[in-house]
Protein backbone atom coordinates (compact mmCIF):
# COMPACT_ATOMS: atom_id res chain seq x y z
CA MET A 1 10.99 -5.68 -7.26
CA SER A 2 11.92 -9.02 -5.69
CA TYR A 3 12.39 -9.91 -2.06
CA LYS A 4 15.80 -10.12 -0.40
CA ILE A 5 16.70 -11.90 2.83
CA SER A 6 18.42 -9.67 5.37
CA ASP A 7 21.22 -10.56 7.77
CA GLU A 8 18.54 -11.16 10.42
CA CYS A 9 18.03 -14.62 8.86
CA ILE A 10 18.45 -17.45 11.37
CA SER A 11 18.58 -20.17 8.66
CA CYS A 12 15.47 -21.97 9.92
CA GLY A 13 14.34 -22.91 6.38
CA ALA A 14 10.69 -21.94 6.83
CA CYS A 15 10.81 -19.58 3.85
CA GLU A 16 12.30 -22.14 1.46
CA ALA A 17 9.42 -24.57 2.02
CA GLU A 18 6.82 -21.79 1.59
CA CYS A 19 8.07 -20.34 -1.70
CA PRO A 20 5.67 -21.36 -4.51
CA VAL A 21 8.32 -20.95 -7.24
CA SER A 22 11.34 -22.43 -5.40
CA ALA A 23 13.27 -19.15 -5.56
CA ILE A 24 14.80 -19.61 -2.09
CA SER A 25 17.82 -21.73 -1.25
CA ALA A 26 20.37 -22.11 1.51
CA GLY A 27 23.27 -19.71 1.16
CA ASP A 28 26.42 -19.03 3.12
CA GLY A 29 25.12 -18.39 6.64
CA LYS A 30 21.62 -17.38 5.54
CA TYR A 31 19.02 -18.21 2.92
CA VAL A 32 19.02 -16.36 -0.40
CA ILE A 33 16.34 -15.50 -2.95
CA ASP A 34 16.93 -15.74 -6.69
CA GLU A 35 15.61 -12.36 -7.80
CA ALA A 36 15.00 -13.56 -11.37
CA THR A 37 12.66 -16.29 -10.09
CA CYS A 38 10.94 -14.39 -7.25
CA ILE A 39 7.33 -13.45 -8.03
CA GLU A 40 7.05 -10.96 -5.15
CA CYS A 41 4.22 -12.86 -3.45
CA GLY A 42 5.52 -12.26 0.09
CA ALA A 43 4.80 -15.81 1.26
CA CYS A 44 8.34 -16.04 2.64
CA ASN A 45 7.90 -12.98 4.81
CA GLY A 46 4.67 -14.34 6.22
CA VAL A 47 6.33 -17.44 7.67
CA CYS A 48 9.69 -16.02 8.73
CA PRO A 49 9.96 -15.83 12.54
CA VAL A 50 12.32 -12.83 12.34
CA GLY A 51 10.93 -11.04 9.26
CA ALA A 52 14.16 -11.40 7.29
CA PRO A 53 12.65 -11.47 3.77
CA GLN A 54 11.91 -7.89 2.73
CA PRO A 55 11.00 -6.25 -0.60
CA GLU A 56 14.02 -4.68 -2.29
């Protein structure tokens, strides 16, 4: 089960820099997580100011 970024994302980029496997990139209006690359570590959720990354 990978993480997914919800519509609460404010596109601050904090999660992208924190991801140890570079699974996060800028998308259309919010950041997105490549579910095939995500290792479910939760590092992105820990740095997100709005808690947008959530386990699917």
